[in-house]
Protein backbone atom coordinates (compact mmCIF):
# COMPACT_ATOMS: atom_id res chain seq x y z
CA MET A 1 -25.85 44.57 63.26
CA ASN A 2 -29.18 45.13 64.91
CA SER A 3 -30.74 42.91 67.57
CA GLN A 4 -32.84 40.92 65.08
CA THR A 5 -29.80 39.94 63.02
CA THR A 6 -27.92 38.93 66.17
CA ALA A 7 -30.89 36.88 67.38
CA ALA A 8 -31.22 35.17 64.01
CA ALA A 9 -27.51 34.27 63.96
CA LEU A 10 -27.62 32.88 67.51
CA ALA A 11 -30.81 30.93 66.75
CA THR A 12 -29.17 29.42 63.67
CA ILE A 13 -26.06 28.40 65.61
CA ILE A 14 -28.12 26.90 68.45
CA GLY A 15 -30.42 25.14 66.00
CA LEU A 16 -27.49 23.57 64.16
CA ALA A 17 -25.93 22.45 67.45
CA VAL A 18 -29.20 20.84 68.59
CA ALA A 19 -29.68 19.15 65.21
CA ALA A 20 -26.11 17.78 65.27
CA TYR A 21 -26.55 16.48 68.83
CA ALA A 22 -29.90 14.87 67.96
CA PHE A 23 -28.43 13.22 64.87
CA ALA A 24 -25.49 11.83 66.84
CA TYR A 25 -27.75 10.65 69.68
CA VAL A 26 -30.13 8.81 67.32
CA SER A 27 -27.26 7.22 65.43
CA LEU A 28 -25.68 5.90 68.64
CA ALA A 29 -29.03 4.74 70.04
CA ASP A 30 -29.78 2.76 66.87
CA THR A 31 -26.38 1.10 67.06
CA TYR A 32 -26.89 -0.08 70.63
CA LYS A 33 -30.49 -1.08 69.92
CA ALA A 34 -29.43 -3.38 67.08
CA GLU A 35 -26.91 -5.14 69.35
CA SER A 36 -29.46 -5.65 72.11
CA GLN A 37 -31.95 -7.19 69.67
CA VAL A 38 -29.34 -9.75 68.63
CA LEU A 39 -28.75 -10.66 72.27
CA LYS A 40 -32.47 -11.03 72.93
CA ILE A 41 -32.86 -13.43 70.03
CA GLU A 42 -30.02 -15.64 71.28
CA THR A 43 -31.45 -16.03 74.79
CA LYS A 44 -34.28 -18.51 75.23
CA ALA A 45 -37.06 -18.21 77.77
CA PRO A 46 -37.59 -21.11 80.18
CA VAL A 47 -40.38 -23.51 79.30
CA VAL A 48 -43.44 -22.87 81.45
CA GLN A 49 -46.20 -25.45 81.81
CA ALA A 50 -49.57 -24.06 80.82
CA THR A 51 -52.29 -24.29 83.45
CA PRO A 52 -55.87 -25.13 82.45
CA ILE A 53 -58.12 -22.18 81.80
CA VAL A 54 -60.73 -21.60 84.47
CA LYS A 55 -64.03 -20.93 82.74
CA GLY A 56 -66.19 -20.09 85.74
CA PRO A 57 -68.54 -21.82 88.15
CA VAL A 58 -69.92 -25.22 87.21
CA VAL A 59 -73.72 -25.45 87.18
CA ARG A 60 -74.99 -28.98 87.69
CA GLU A 61 -78.48 -30.19 87.10
CA LEU A 62 -80.04 -31.40 90.34
CA PRO A 63 -82.98 -33.78 90.51
CA ALA A 64 -86.32 -32.05 91.00
CA PRO A 65 -87.56 -32.17 94.59
CA GLU A 66 -90.32 -34.73 95.19
CA LYS A 67 -93.68 -33.55 96.47
């Protein structure tokens, strides 16, 4: 076996190991994610009173100054 064949074999083994780990990690993460979504749906947020929207300064019409 020359060095290229050895490198190709090691790259294949490492690639398969990384792919297997990634597949297992994603499968477990999806499982936990689904359970957390169910818990989030069951909990209700407290009711918060809405405050009026501030639109900016109020411009009032003033009487014209007398001459």
